[in-house]
PDB file of all heavy atoms in Angstrom:
ATOM      1  N   THR A   1     121.576  68.989 115.788  1.00  0.00           N
ATOM      2  CA  THR A   1     122.300  69.374 114.696  1.00  0.00           C
ATOM      3  C   THR A   1     123.218  68.138 114.357  1.00  0.00           C
ATOM      4  O   THR A   1     124.111  67.811 115.121  1.00  0.00           O
ATOM      5  CB  THR A   1     123.236  70.610 114.818  1.00  0.00           C
ATOM      6  OG1 THR A   1     122.332  71.614 115.199  1.00  0.00           O
ATOM      7  CG2 THR A   1     124.082  70.893 113.589  1.00  0.00           C
ATOM      8  N   PRO A   2     123.065  67.516 113.180  1.00  0.00           N
ATOM      9  CA  PRO A   2     124.000  66.403 112.716  1.00  0.00           C
ATOM     10  C   PRO A   2     125.391  66.891 112.707  1.00  0.00           C
ATOM     11  O   PRO A   2     125.782  67.965 112.490  1.00  0.00           O
ATOM     12  CB  PRO A   2     123.335  66.016 111.270  1.00  0.00           C
ATOM     13  CG  PRO A   2     122.002  66.469 111.341  1.00  0.00           C
ATOM     14  CD  PRO A   2     122.003  67.753 112.079  1.00  0.00           C
ATOM     15  N   PHE A   3     126.297  65.939 112.954  1.00  0.00           N
ATOM     16  CA  PHE A   3     127.679  66.236 113.046  1.00  0.00           C
ATOM     17  C   PHE A   3     128.261  66.620 111.625  1.00  0.00           C
ATOM     18  O   PHE A   3     127.780  66.170 110.622  1.00  0.00           O
ATOM     19  CB  PHE A   3     128.559  65.045 113.693  1.00  0.00           C
ATOM     20  CG  PHE A   3     128.401  63.725 112.892  1.00  0.00           C
ATOM     21  CD1 PHE A   3     129.166  63.407 111.800  1.00  0.00           C
ATOM     22  CD2 PHE A   3     127.579  62.669 113.456  1.00  0.00           C
ATOM     23  CE1 PHE A   3     128.972  62.209 111.193  1.00  0.00           C
ATOM     24  CE2 PHE A   3     127.458  61.431 112.675  1.00  0.00           C
ATOM     25  CZ  PHE A   3     128.187  61.185 111.690  1.00  0.00           C
ATOM     26  N   ALA A   4     129.234  67.456 111.643  1.00  0.00           N
ATOM     27  CA  ALA A   4     129.905  67.808 110.490  1.00  0.00           C
ATOM     28  C   ALA A   4     130.726  66.715 109.842  1.00  0.00           C
ATOM     29  O   ALA A   4     131.261  65.830 110.662  1.00  0.00           O
ATOM     30  CB  ALA A   4     130.770  69.073 110.644  1.00  0.00           C
ATOM     31  N   THR A   5     130.721  66.629 108.555  1.00  0.00           N
ATOM     32  CA  THR A   5     131.510  65.553 107.808  1.00  0.00           C
ATOM     33  C   THR A   5     132.380  66.203 106.842  1.00  0.00           C
ATOM     34  O   THR A   5     132.113  67.335 106.360  1.00  0.00           O
ATOM     35  CB  THR A   5     130.666  64.500 107.251  1.00  0.00           C
ATOM     36  OG1 THR A   5     129.844  65.003 106.168  1.00  0.00           O
ATOM     37  CG2 THR A   5     129.800  63.729 108.259  1.00  0.00           C
ATOM     38  N   ALA A   6     133.474  65.492 106.417  1.00  0.00           N
ATOM     39  CA  ALA A   6     134.298  65.929 105.259  1.00  0.00           C
ATOM     40  C   ALA A   6     134.680  64.644 104.565  1.00  0.00           C
ATOM     41  O   ALA A   6     134.935  63.620 105.175  1.00  0.00           O
ATOM     42  CB  ALA A   6     135.438  66.724 105.785  1.00  0.00           C
ATOM     43  N   ASN A   7     134.874  64.860 103.161  1.00  0.00           N
ATOM     44  CA  ASN A   7     135.279  63.710 102.409  1.00  0.00           C
ATOM     45  C   ASN A   7     136.819  63.509 102.464  1.00  0.00           C
ATOM     46  O   ASN A   7     137.548  63.847 101.541  1.00  0.00           O
ATOM     47  CB  ASN A   7     134.811  63.825 100.923  1.00  0.00           C
ATOM     48  CG  ASN A   7     133.334  63.653 100.847  1.00  0.00           C
ATOM     49  OD1 ASN A   7     132.697  63.282 101.658  1.00  0.00           O
ATOM     50  ND2 ASN A   7     132.873  63.901  99.578  1.00  0.00           N
ATOM     51  N   THR A   8     137.204  62.888 103.582  1.00  0.00           N
ATOM     52  CA  THR A   8     138.598  62.734 103.898  1.00  0.00           C
ATOM     53  C   THR A   8     139.006  61.195 103.942  1.00  0.00           C
ATOM     54  O   THR A   8     140.162  60.878 104.087  1.00  0.00           O
ATOM     55  CB  THR A   8     139.082  63.299 105.171  1.00  0.00           C
ATOM     56  OG1 THR A   8     138.271  62.776 106.265  1.00  0.00           O
ATOM     57  CG2 THR A   8     138.852  64.938 105.179  1.00  0.00           C
ATOM     58  N   GLY A   9     138.014  60.291 103.831  1.00  0.00           N
ATOM     59  CA  GLY A   9     138.300  58.916 103.933  1.00  0.00           C
ATOM     60  C   GLY A   9     138.544  58.333 102.589  1.00  0.00           C
ATOM     61  O   GLY A   9     137.676  58.502 101.598  1.00  0.00           O
ATOM     62  N   LYS A  10     139.710  57.746 102.257  1.00  0.00           N
ATOM     63  CA  LYS A  10     140.003  57.241 100.895  1.00  0.00           C
ATOM     64  C   LYS A  10     139.499  55.706 100.879  1.00  0.00           C
ATOM     65  O   LYS A  10     139.879  54.933 101.594  1.00  0.00           O
ATOM     66  CB  LYS A  10     141.395  57.336 100.631  1.00  0.00           C
ATOM     67  CG  LYS A  10     141.754  56.947  99.216  1.00  0.00           C
ATOM     68  CD  LYS A  10     143.141  57.369  98.795  1.00  0.00           C
ATOM     69  CE  LYS A  10     143.248  56.949  97.324  1.00  0.00           C
ATOM     70  NZ  LYS A  10     144.395  57.521  96.575  1.00  0.00           N
ATOM     71  N   VAL A  11     138.617  55.408  99.931  1.00  0.00           N
ATOM     72  CA  VAL A  11     138.085  54.139  99.643  1.00  0.00           C
ATOM     73  C   VAL A  11     138.370  53.827  98.146  1.00  0.00           C
ATOM     74  O   VAL A  11     137.677  54.430  97.288  1.00  0.00           O
ATOM     75  CB  VAL A  11     136.595  53.972  99.896  1.00  0.00           C
ATOM     76  CG1 VAL A  11     136.061  52.705  99.546  1.00  0.00           C
ATOM     77  CG2 VAL A  11     136.360  54.283 101.412  1.00  0.00           C
ATOM     78  N   GLY A  12     139.404  53.038  97.930  1.00  0.00           N
ATOM     79  CA  GLY A  12     139.864  52.782  96.540  1.00  0.00           C
ATOM     80  C   GLY A  12     140.248  54.126  95.923  1.00  0.00           C
ATOM     81  O   GLY A  12     141.243  54.818  96.525  1.00  0.00           O
ATOM     82  N   ASP A  13     139.703  54.581  94.852  1.00  0.00           N
ATOM     83  CA  ASP A  13     139.966  55.900  94.226  1.00  0.00           C
ATOM     84  C   ASP A  13     139.017  56.908  94.605  1.00  0.00           C
ATOM     85  O   ASP A  13     139.106  58.008  94.074  1.00  0.00           O
ATOM     86  CB  ASP A  13     139.890  55.727  92.729  1.00  0.00           C
ATOM     87  CG  ASP A  13     140.964  54.687  92.177  1.00  0.00           C
ATOM     88  OD1 ASP A  13     142.079  54.677  92.775  1.00  0.00           O
ATOM     89  OD2 ASP A  13     140.772  54.089  91.158  1.00  0.00           O
ATOM     90  N   HIS A  14     138.198  56.661  95.567  1.00  0.00           N
ATOM     91  CA  HIS A  14     137.077  57.690  96.041  1.00  0.00           C
ATOM     92  C   HIS A  14     137.391  58.159  97.452  1.00  0.00           C
ATOM     93  O   HIS A  14     137.952  57.548  98.233  1.00  0.00           O
ATOM     94  CB  HIS A  14     135.758  56.983  96.044  1.00  0.00           C
ATOM     95  CG  HIS A  14     135.366  56.425  94.698  1.00  0.00           C
ATOM     96  ND1 HIS A  14     134.884  57.203  93.672  1.00  0.00           N
ATOM     97  CD2 HIS A  14     135.490  55.166  94.214  1.00  0.00           C
ATOM     98  CE1 HIS A  14     134.634  56.330  92.592  1.00  0.00           C
ATOM     99  NE2 HIS A  14     135.120  55.162  93.019  1.00  0.00           N
ATOM    100  N   MET A  15     136.952  59.410  97.634  1.00  0.00           N
ATOM    101  CA  MET A  15     137.096  59.989  98.904  1.00  0.00           C
ATOM    102  C   MET A  15     135.623  59.977  99.509  1.00  0.00           C
ATOM    103  O   MET A  15     134.730  60.479  98.729  1.00  0.00           O
ATOM    104  CB  MET A  15     137.578  61.490  98.875  1.00  0.00           C
ATOM    105  CG  MET A  15     139.009  61.573  98.286  1.00  0.00           C
ATOM    106  SD  MET A  15     140.262  60.669  99.232  1.00  0.00           S
ATOM    107  CE  MET A  15     140.233  61.590 100.691  1.00  0.00           C
ATOM    108  N   VAL A  16     135.488  59.510 100.776  1.00  0.00           N
ATOM    109  CA  VAL A  16     134.121  59.309 101.318  1.00  0.00           C
ATOM    110  C   VAL A  16     134.090  60.098 102.541  1.00  0.00           C
ATOM    111  O   VAL A  16     135.050  60.516 103.288  1.00  0.00           O
ATOM    112  CB  VAL A  16     133.792  57.896 101.562  1.00  0.00           C
ATOM    113  CG1 VAL A  16     133.802  57.090 100.225  1.00  0.00           C
ATOM    114  CG2 VAL A  16     134.752  57.198 102.559  1.00  0.00           C
ATOM    115  N   ALA A  17     132.803  60.355 103.071  1.00  0.00           N
ATOM    116  CA  ALA A  17     132.613  61.232 104.225  1.00  0.00           C
ATOM    117  C   ALA A  17     133.122  60.541 105.475  1.00  0.00           C
ATOM    118  O   ALA A  17     133.035  59.354 105.705  1.00  0.00           O
ATOM    119  CB  ALA A  17     131.072  61.492 104.360  1.00  0.00           C
ATOM    120  N   MET A  18     133.774  61.297 106.277  1.00  0.00           N
ATOM    121  CA  MET A  18     134.217  60.950 107.590  1.00  0.00           C
ATOM    122  C   MET A  18     133.728  61.921 108.631  1.00  0.00           C
ATOM    123  O   MET A  18     133.701  63.090 108.365  1.00  0.00           O
ATOM    124  CB  MET A  18     135.756  60.876 107.653  1.00  0.00           C
ATOM    125  CG  MET A  18     136.418  59.867 106.726  1.00  0.00           C
ATOM    126  SD  MET A  18     135.943  58.179 107.104  1.00  0.00           S
ATOM    127  CE  MET A  18     136.823  58.054 108.725  1.00  0.00           C
ATOM    128  N   PRO A  19     133.301  61.553 109.677  1.00  0.00           N
ATOM    129  CA  PRO A  19     133.051  60.155 110.108  1.00  0.00           C
ATOM    130  C   PRO A  19     131.780  59.510 109.418  1.00  0.00           C
ATOM    131  O   PRO A  19     131.004  60.385 108.878  1.00  0.00           O
ATOM    132  CB  PRO A  19     132.940  60.110 111.641  1.00  0.00           C
ATOM    133  CG  PRO A  19     132.472  61.500 111.936  1.00  0.00           C
ATOM    134  CD  PRO A  19     132.864  62.401 110.937  1.00  0.00           C
ATOM    135  N   HIS A  20     131.714  58.219 109.364  1.00  0.00           N
ATOM    136  CA  HIS A  20     130.448  57.619 108.937  1.00  0.00           C
ATOM    137  C   HIS A  20     130.236  56.395 109.776  1.00  0.00           C
ATOM    138  O   HIS A  20     131.084  55.928 110.550  1.00  0.00           O
ATOM    139  CB  HIS A  20     130.507  57.327 107.481  1.00  0.00           C
ATOM    140  CG  HIS A  20     131.620  56.290 107.047  1.00  0.00           C
ATOM    141  ND1 HIS A  20     132.913  56.673 106.606  1.00  0.00           N
ATOM    142  CD2 HIS A  20     131.677  54.922 107.066  1.00  0.00           C
ATOM    143  CE1 HIS A  20     133.668  55.716 106.426  1.00  0.00           C
ATOM    144  NE2 HIS A  20     132.899  54.504 106.719  1.00  0.00           N
ATOM    145  N   PHE A  21     129.048  55.765 109.709  1.00  0.00           N
ATOM    146  CA  PHE A  21     128.746  54.511 110.319  1.00  0.00           C
ATOM    147  C   PHE A  21     128.084  53.603 109.442  1.00  0.00           C
ATOM    148  O   PHE A  21     127.640  53.999 108.202  1.00  0.00           O
ATOM    149  CB  PHE A  21     127.875  54.745 111.591  1.00  0.00           C
ATOM    150  CG  PHE A  21     126.368  55.156 111.205  1.00  0.00           C
ATOM    151  CD1 PHE A  21     125.441  54.156 111.326  1.00  0.00           C
ATOM    152  CD2 PHE A  21     125.983  56.371 110.860  1.00  0.00           C
ATOM    153  CE1 PHE A  21     124.062  54.507 111.092  1.00  0.00           C
ATOM    154  CE2 PHE A  21     124.699  56.661 110.519  1.00  0.00           C
ATOM    155  CZ  PHE A  21     123.741  55.718 110.629  1.00  0.00           C
ATOM    156  N   GLY A  22     127.839  52.407 109.780  1.00  0.00           N
ATOM    157  CA  GLY A  22     127.123  51.460 108.879  1.00  0.00           C
ATOM    158  C   GLY A  22     126.940  50.103 109.492  1.00  0.00           C
ATOM    159  O   GLY A  22     127.067  49.871 110.610  1.00  0.00           O
ATOM    160  N   VAL A  23     126.872  49.093 108.574  1.00  0.00           N
ATOM    161  CA  VAL A  23     126.655  47.713 109.090  1.00  0.00           C
ATOM    162  C   VAL A  23     127.249  46.736 107.907  1.00  0.00           C
ATOM    163  O   VAL A  23     127.464  47.219 106.890  1.00  0.00           O
ATOM    164  CB  VAL A  23     125.189  47.459 109.110  1.00  0.00           C
ATOM    165  CG1 VAL A  23     124.405  47.475 107.847  1.00  0.00           C
ATOM    166  CG2 VAL A  23     124.969  46.054 109.788  1.00  0.00           C
ATOM    167  N   VAL A  24     127.713  45.587 108.434  1.00  0.00           N
ATOM    168  CA  VAL A  24     128.182  44.605 107.509  1.00  0.00           C
ATOM    169  C   VAL A  24     127.136  43.544 107.355  1.00  0.00           C
ATOM    170  O   VAL A  24     126.656  42.970 108.323  1.00  0.00           O
ATOM    171  CB  VAL A  24     129.525  43.969 108.084  1.00  0.00           C
ATOM    172  CG1 VAL A  24     129.954  42.769 107.127  1.00  0.00           C
ATOM    173  CG2 VAL A  24     130.574  45.034 108.225  1.00  0.00           C
ATOM    174  N   LEU A  25     126.742  43.273 106.199  1.00  0.00           N
ATOM    175  CA  LEU A  25     125.641  42.288 105.870  1.00  0.00           C
ATOM    176  C   LEU A  25     126.285  41.190 105.070  1.00  0.00           C
ATOM    177  O   LEU A  25     127.391  41.229 104.478  1.00  0.00           O
ATOM    178  CB  LEU A  25     124.484  42.844 104.956  1.00  0.00           C
ATOM    179  CG  LEU A  25     123.828  44.051 105.501  1.00  0.00           C
ATOM    180  CD1 LEU A  25     122.821  44.573 104.515  1.00  0.00           C
ATOM    181  CD2 LEU A  25     123.043  43.608 106.772  1.00  0.00           C
ATOM    182  N   ASP A  26     125.497  39.906 105.113  1.00  0.00           N
ATOM    183  CA  ASP A  26     126.152  38.862 104.186  1.00  0.00           C
ATOM    184  C   ASP A  26     125.767  39.249 102.823  1.00  0.00           C
ATOM    185  O   ASP A  26     124.810  40.111 102.556  1.00  0.00           O
ATOM    186  CB  ASP A  26     125.594  37.526 104.594  1.00  0.00           C
ATOM    187  CG  ASP A  26     124.081  37.398 104.510  1.00  0.00           C
ATOM    188  OD1 ASP A  26     123.452  38.004 103.693  1.00  0.00           O
ATOM    189  OD2 ASP A  26     123.479  36.531 105.235  1.00  0.00           O
ATOM    190  N   LYS A  27     126.492  38.671 101.836  1.00  0.00           N
ATOM    191  CA  LYS A  27     126.323  39.242 100.421  1.00  0.00           C
ATOM    192  C   LYS A  27     124.902  39.145  99.871  1.00  0.00           C
ATOM    193  O   LYS A  27     124.475  40.159  99.356  1.00  0.00           O
ATOM    194  CB  LYS A  27     127.303  38.466  99.625  1.00  0.00           C
ATOM    195  CG  LYS A  27     127.432  39.051  98.076  1.00  0.00           C
ATOM    196  CD  LYS A  27     127.960  40.409  98.088  1.00  0.00           C
ATOM    197  CE  LYS A  27     128.249  40.889  96.646  1.00  0.00           C
ATOM    198  NZ  LYS A  27     127.297  40.931  95.725  1.00  0.00           N
ATOM    199  N   PRO A  28     124.167  38.112 100.231  1.00  0.00           N
ATOM    200  CA  PRO A  28     122.725  38.090  99.571  1.00  0.00           C
ATOM    201  C   PRO A  28     121.850  39.111 100.187  1.00  0.00           C
ATOM    202  O   PRO A  28     121.082  39.795  99.449  1.00  0.00           O
ATOM    203  CB  PRO A  28     122.216  36.694  99.965  1.00  0.00           C
ATOM    204  CG  PRO A  28     123.536  35.844 100.104  1.00  0.00           C
ATOM    205  CD  PRO A  28     124.555  36.707 100.640  1.00  0.00           C
ATOM    206  N   ASP A  29     122.015  39.482 101.447  1.00  0.00           N
ATOM    207  CA  ASP A  29     121.248  40.584 102.144  1.00  0.00           C
ATOM    208  C   ASP A  29     121.818  41.899 101.571  1.00  0.00           C
ATOM    209  O   ASP A  29     120.975  42.776 101.399  1.00  0.00           O
ATOM    210  CB  ASP A  29     121.395  40.428 103.693  1.00  0.00           C
ATOM    211  CG  ASP A  29     120.554  39.356 104.110  1.00  0.00           C
ATOM    212  OD1 ASP A  29     119.684  38.899 103.497  1.00  0.00           O
ATOM    213  OD2 ASP A  29     120.802  38.970 105.329  1.00  0.00           O
ATOM    214  N   TRP A  30     122.995  42.019 101.324  1.00  0.00           N
ATOM    215  CA  TRP A  30     123.612  43.251 100.738  1.00  0.00           C
ATOM    216  C   TRP A  30     123.009  43.440  99.381  1.00  0.00           C
ATOM    217  O   TRP A  30     122.560  44.616  99.039  1.00  0.00           O
ATOM    218  CB  TRP A  30     125.064  43.286 100.630  1.00  0.00           C
ATOM    219  CG  TRP A  30     125.717  44.464 100.148  1.00  0.00           C
ATOM    220  CD1 TRP A  30     126.102  45.516 100.923  1.00  0.00           C
ATOM    221  CD2 TRP A  30     126.113  44.816  98.838  1.00  0.00           C
ATOM    222  NE1 TRP A  30     126.728  46.526 100.152  1.00  0.00           N
ATOM    223  CE2 TRP A  30     126.697  46.060  98.824  1.00  0.00           C
ATOM    224  CE3 TRP A  30     126.028  44.090  97.632  1.00  0.00           C
ATOM    225  CZ2 TRP A  30     127.220  46.720  97.765  1.00  0.00           C
ATOM    226  CZ3 TRP A  30     126.486  44.764  96.551  1.00  0.00           C
ATOM    227  CH2 TRP A  30     127.053  46.061  96.556  1.00  0.00           C
ATOM    228  N   ASP A  31     122.983  42.435  98.601  1.00  0.00           N
ATOM    229  CA  ASP A  31     122.368  42.583  97.214  1.00  0.00           C
ATOM    230  C   ASP A  31     120.854  43.010  97.294  1.00  0.00           C
ATOM    231  O   ASP A  31     120.505  43.836  96.454  1.00  0.00           O
ATOM    232  CB  ASP A  31     122.537  41.241  96.480  1.00  0.00           C
ATOM    233  CG  ASP A  31     123.841  40.823  96.040  1.00  0.00           C
ATOM    234  OD1 ASP A  31     124.699  41.804  95.907  1.00  0.00           O
ATOM    235  OD2 ASP A  31     124.217  39.694  95.946  1.00  0.00           O
ATOM    236  N   LYS A  32     120.139  42.496  98.266  1.00  0.00           N
ATOM    237  CA  LYS A  32     118.767  42.895  98.431  1.00  0.00           C
ATOM    238  C   LYS A  32     118.666  44.312  98.872  1.00  0.00           C
ATOM    239  O   LYS A  32     117.790  45.065  98.384  1.00  0.00           O
ATOM    240  CB  LYS A  32     118.067  42.006  99.483  1.00  0.00           C
ATOM    241  CG  LYS A  32     117.746  40.601  99.039  1.00  0.00           C
ATOM    242  CD  LYS A  32     117.251  39.706 100.137  1.00  0.00           C
ATOM    243  CE  LYS A  32     117.234  38.314  99.800  1.00  0.00           C
ATOM    244  NZ  LYS A  32     116.949  37.383 100.897  1.00  0.00           N
ATOM    245  N   MET A  33     119.642  44.856  99.755  1.00  0.00           N
ATOM    246  CA  MET A  33     119.600  46.225 100.233  1.00  0.00           C
ATOM    247  C   MET A  33     119.948  47.035  98.978  1.00  0.00           C
ATOM    248  O   MET A  33     119.355  48.208  98.828  1.00  0.00           O
ATOM    249  CB  MET A  33     120.607  46.383 101.275  1.00  0.00           C
ATOM    250  CG  MET A  33     120.628  47.816 101.803  1.00  0.00           C
ATOM    251  SD  MET A  33     118.996  48.322 102.547  1.00  0.00           S
ATOM    252  CE  MET A  33     118.898  47.259 103.994  1.00  0.00           C
ATOM    253  N   VAL A  34     120.855  46.718  98.112  1.00  0.00           N
ATOM    254  CA  VAL A  34     121.093  47.499  96.886  1.00  0.00           C
ATOM    255  C   VAL A  34     119.851  47.611  96.123  1.00  0.00           C
ATOM    256  O   VAL A  34     119.569  48.800  95.740  1.00  0.00           O
ATOM    257  CB  VAL A  34     122.185  46.876  96.052  1.00  0.00           C
ATOM    258  CG1 VAL A  34     122.345  47.557  94.653  1.00  0.00           C
ATOM    259  CG2 VAL A  34     123.664  46.883  96.702  1.00  0.00           C
ATOM    260  N   ALA A  35     119.107  46.633  95.947  1.00  0.00           N
ATOM    261  CA  ALA A  35     117.804  46.702  95.092  1.00  0.00           C
ATOM    262  C   ALA A  35     116.819  47.651  95.767  1.00  0.00           C
ATOM    263  O   ALA A  35     116.107  48.427  95.190  1.00  0.00           O
ATOM    264  CB  ALA A  35     117.322  45.296  94.832  1.00  0.00           C
ATOM    265  N   ARG A  36     116.736  47.500  97.151  1.00  0.00           N
ATOM    266  CA  ARG A  36     115.783  48.275  97.881  1.00  0.00           C
ATOM    267  C   ARG A  36     116.079  49.759  97.833  1.00  0.00           C
ATOM    268  O   ARG A  36     115.203  50.635  97.602  1.00  0.00           O
ATOM    269  CB  ARG A  36     115.777  47.797  99.389  1.00  0.00           C
ATOM    270  CG  ARG A  36     114.872  48.418 100.364  1.00  0.00           C
ATOM    271  CD  ARG A  36     115.029  47.824 101.781  1.00  0.00           C
ATOM    272  NE  ARG A  36     113.956  48.316 102.521  1.00  0.00           N
ATOM    273  CZ  ARG A  36     113.148  47.436 103.174  1.00  0.00           C
ATOM    274  NH1 ARG A  36     113.311  46.244 103.217  1.00  0.00           N
ATOM    275  NH2 ARG A  36     112.045  48.062 103.863  1.00  0.00           N
ATOM    276  N   LEU A  37     117.424  50.055  97.995  1.00  0.00           N
ATOM    277  CA  LEU A  37     117.756  51.424  97.946  1.00  0.00           C
ATOM    278  C   LEU A  37     117.672  52.076  96.577  1.00  0.00           C
ATOM    279  O   LEU A  37     117.293  53.228  96.419  1.00  0.00           O
ATOM    280  CB  LEU A  37     119.336  51.693  98.475  1.00  0.00           C
ATOM    281  CG  LEU A  37     119.451  51.288  99.925  1.00  0.00           C
ATOM    282  CD1 LEU A  37     120.943  51.236 100.310  1.00  0.00           C
ATOM    283  CD2 LEU A  37     118.627  52.163 100.814  1.00  0.00           C
ATOM    284  N   THR A  38     117.980  51.296  95.612  1.00  0.00           N
ATOM    285  CA  THR A  38     117.954  51.700  94.217  1.00  0.00           C
ATOM    286  C   THR A  38     116.427  52.055  93.882  1.00  0.00           C
ATOM    287  O   THR A  38     116.087  53.082  93.317  1.00  0.00           O
ATOM    288  CB  THR A  38     118.458  50.720  93.263  1.00  0.00           C
ATOM    289  OG1 THR A  38     119.761  50.473  93.509  1.00  0.00           O
ATOM    290  CG2 THR A  38     118.386  51.084  91.744  1.00  0.00           C
ATOM    291  N   GLU A  39     115.523  51.153  94.317  1.00  0.00           N
ATOM    292  CA  GLU A  39     114.140  51.303  93.981  1.00  0.00           C
ATOM    293  C   GLU A  39     113.601  52.492  94.796  1.00  0.00           C
ATOM    294  O   GLU A  39     112.724  53.271  94.261  1.00  0.00           O
ATOM    295  CB  GLU A  39     113.325  50.015  94.525  1.00  0.00           C
ATOM    296  CG  GLU A  39     111.868  50.167  94.293  1.00  0.00           C
ATOM    297  CD  GLU A  39     111.090  48.887  94.715  1.00  0.00           C
ATOM    298  OE1 GLU A  39     111.584  47.897  94.460  1.00  0.00           O
ATOM    299  OE2 GLU A  39     110.008  49.015  95.307  1.00  0.00           O
ATOM    300  N   ALA A  40     114.146  52.842  95.943  1.00  0.00           N
ATOM    301  CA  ALA A  40     113.735  54.012  96.671  1.00  0.00           C
ATOM    302  C   ALA A  40     114.251  55.381  96.178  1.00  0.00           C
ATOM    303  O   ALA A  40     113.980  56.403  96.710  1.00  0.00           O
ATOM    304  CB  ALA A  40     114.115  53.895  98.170  1.00  0.00           C
ATOM    305  N   GLY A  41     115.162  55.202  95.158  1.00  0.00           N
ATOM    306  CA  GLY A  41     115.724  56.399  94.554  1.00  0.00           C
ATOM    307  C   GLY A  41     116.967  57.011  95.361  1.00  0.00           C
ATOM    308  O   GLY A  41     117.070  58.252  95.253  1.00  0.00           O
ATOM    309  N   ILE A  42     117.514  56.337  96.208  1.00  0.00           N
ATOM    310  CA  ILE A  42     118.616  56.887  97.086  1.00  0.00           C
ATOM    311  C   ILE A  42     119.749  57.250  96.116  1.00  0.00           C
ATOM    312  O   ILE A  42     120.164  56.661  95.088  1.00  0.00           O
ATOM    313  CB  ILE A  42     119.218  55.691  97.982  1.00  0.00           C
ATOM    314  CG1 ILE A  42     117.969  55.319  98.952  1.00  0.00           C
ATOM    315  CG2 ILE A  42     120.422  56.182  98.721  1.00  0.00           C
ATOM    316  CD1 ILE A  42     117.640  56.518  99.927  1.00  0.00           C
ATOM    317  N   ASP A  43     120.331  58.491  96.444  1.00  0.00           N
ATOM    318  CA  ASP A  43     121.461  59.045  95.688  1.00  0.00           C
ATOM    319  C   ASP A  43     122.735  58.576  96.438  1.00  0.00           C
ATOM    320  O   ASP A  43     123.070  59.005  97.449  1.00  0.00           O
ATOM    321  CB  ASP A  43     121.329  60.588  95.873  1.00  0.00           C
ATOM    322  CG  ASP A  43     122.457  61.362  95.100  1.00  0.00           C
ATOM    323  OD1 ASP A  43     123.008  60.640  94.222  1.00  0.00           O
ATOM    324  OD2 ASP A  43     122.729  62.430  95.386  1.00  0.00           O
TER     325      ASP A  43
END
């Protein structure tokens, strides 16, 4: 069973799910990932 999350993390004006995980990419690779995820229809 995946862990429970709640939108309690404030990022700018947005509340985001906590806890969360991820990765830091260099900007060109981040831009490519945006295109890849957009093409895949990620919400």
